[in-house]
Amino acid sequence: MTKITKDTVKKMAQLGNIEITEDEANSFALDIERTLAYIDQLKELDTDSIEPTYQVTGLKNVWRKDVIEKPSPSRDDLLQCAGNNILNSQIKVPKVL
């Protein structure tokens, strides 16, 4: 099992630019040790005969052809909808800062 000391935790906190107290360093060292011990325990499991699970809901992608089903309005038709708010063939809108 990997031994994590509070000095190691302090070094990781320093690298991450995180301030931690002495009590937090002790607590985190214990938490990290327990997490690593659990990972080591999981490594001992025999998973050779287990098929990987990529998706659990049974849903599948639904693909469709990328086609335009009805003609789009022309640029000029869209500009006409803007009324008097047109400047240099573009729709004029208020400034947003």
Protein backbone atom coordinates (compact mmCIF):
# COMPACT_ATOMS: atom_id res chain seq x y z
CA MET A 1 0.00 0.00 0.00
CA THR A 2 1.21 3.48 -0.83
CA LYS A 3 1.97 5.69 2.16
CA ILE A 4 0.84 9.29 1.71
CA THR A 5 2.24 11.75 4.21
CA LYS A 6 0.96 15.17 5.13
CA ASP A 7 4.13 16.59 3.54
CA THR A 8 3.14 14.97 0.24
CA VAL A 9 -0.32 16.51 0.54
CA LYS A 10 1.18 19.91 1.34
CA LYS A 11 3.42 19.64 -1.73
CA MET A 12 0.42 18.77 -3.94
CA ALA A 13 -1.52 21.70 -2.46
CA GLN A 14 1.41 24.01 -3.13
CA LEU A 15 1.62 22.83 -6.75
CA GLY A 16 -2.10 23.47 -7.11
CA ASN A 17 -1.76 26.86 -5.40
CA ILE A 18 -4.22 25.78 -2.68
CA GLU A 19 -3.89 26.80 0.94
CA ILE A 20 -4.61 24.03 3.45
CA THR A 21 -4.27 23.79 7.21
CA GLU A 22 -2.32 21.18 9.14
CA ASP A 23 -5.55 19.37 10.06
CA GLU A 24 -6.69 19.36 6.43
CA ALA A 25 -3.33 17.96 5.31
CA ASN A 26 -3.65 15.09 7.80
CA SER A 27 -7.26 14.44 6.75
CA PHE A 28 -6.46 14.53 3.04
CA ALA A 29 -3.48 12.21 3.50
CA LEU A 30 -5.74 9.66 5.15
CA ASP A 31 -8.43 10.07 2.47
CA ILE A 32 -5.92 9.64 -0.35
CA GLU A 33 -4.44 6.56 1.30
CA ARG A 34 -7.89 5.01 1.64
CA THR A 35 -8.71 5.81 -1.98
CA LEU A 36 -5.46 4.24 -3.22
CA ALA A 37 -6.06 1.18 -1.03
CA TYR A 38 -9.52 0.77 -2.55
CA ILE A 39 -8.06 1.06 -6.06
CA ASP A 40 -5.49 -1.63 -5.17
CA GLN A 41 -8.35 -3.81 -3.92
CA LEU A 42 -10.21 -3.34 -7.21
CA LYS A 43 -7.08 -4.31 -9.17
CA GLU A 44 -7.23 -7.75 -7.55
CA LEU A 45 -10.62 -8.54 -9.15
CA ASP A 46 -10.61 -10.95 -12.09
CA THR A 47 -12.42 -9.11 -14.86
CA ASP A 48 -11.13 -11.13 -17.82
CA SER A 49 -14.49 -12.81 -18.46
CA ILE A 50 -16.50 -9.59 -18.00
CA GLU A 51 -17.55 -7.77 -21.13
CA PRO A 52 -16.92 -4.01 -20.95
CA THR A 53 -20.01 -1.88 -20.41
CA TYR A 54 -19.98 1.12 -22.67
CA GLN A 55 -23.64 2.00 -22.46
CA VAL A 56 -26.29 0.85 -20.00
CA THR A 57 -29.53 2.33 -21.32
CA GLY A 58 -29.70 0.42 -24.61
CA LEU A 59 -30.22 3.65 -26.54
CA LYS A 60 -28.65 3.98 -29.96
CA ASN A 61 -27.86 6.96 -32.13
CA VAL A 62 -30.54 7.82 -34.63
CA TRP A 63 -29.00 9.05 -37.83
CA ARG A 64 -30.76 11.05 -40.50
CA LYS A 65 -29.68 12.39 -43.83
CA ASP A 66 -28.48 15.96 -43.74
CA VAL A 67 -30.78 17.39 -46.38
CA ILE A 68 -32.82 20.57 -46.61
CA GLU A 69 -36.44 19.50 -46.77
CA LYS A 70 -37.93 22.79 -47.90
CA PRO A 71 -36.31 25.76 -49.56
CA SER A 72 -34.99 28.46 -47.26
CA PRO A 73 -35.95 32.11 -47.77
CA SER A 74 -33.45 34.08 -49.78
CA ARG A 75 -31.14 36.64 -48.21
CA ASP A 76 -33.08 39.48 -49.80
CA ASP A 77 -36.37 38.15 -48.41
CA LEU A 78 -34.87 38.06 -44.93
CA LEU A 79 -33.48 41.57 -45.26
CA GLN A 80 -36.92 42.84 -46.25
CA CYS A 81 -38.27 41.60 -42.91
CA ALA A 82 -35.86 43.99 -41.11
CA GLY A 83 -37.71 47.03 -42.43
CA ASN A 84 -35.69 50.25 -42.11
CA ASN A 85 -33.01 48.64 -39.94
CA ILE A 86 -30.71 47.90 -42.87
CA LEU A 87 -27.24 49.39 -43.36
CA ASN A 88 -24.86 48.20 -46.10
CA SER A 89 -26.99 45.11 -46.82
CA GLN A 90 -26.84 44.07 -43.15
CA ILE A 91 -29.39 44.23 -40.35
CA LYS A 92 -28.60 47.14 -38.02
CA VAL A 93 -29.00 46.36 -34.30
CA PRO A 94 -28.37 48.45 -31.17
CA LYS A 95 -24.87 48.39 -29.65
CA VAL A 96 -24.36 45.87 -26.88
CA LEU A 97 -21.43 46.55 -24.60
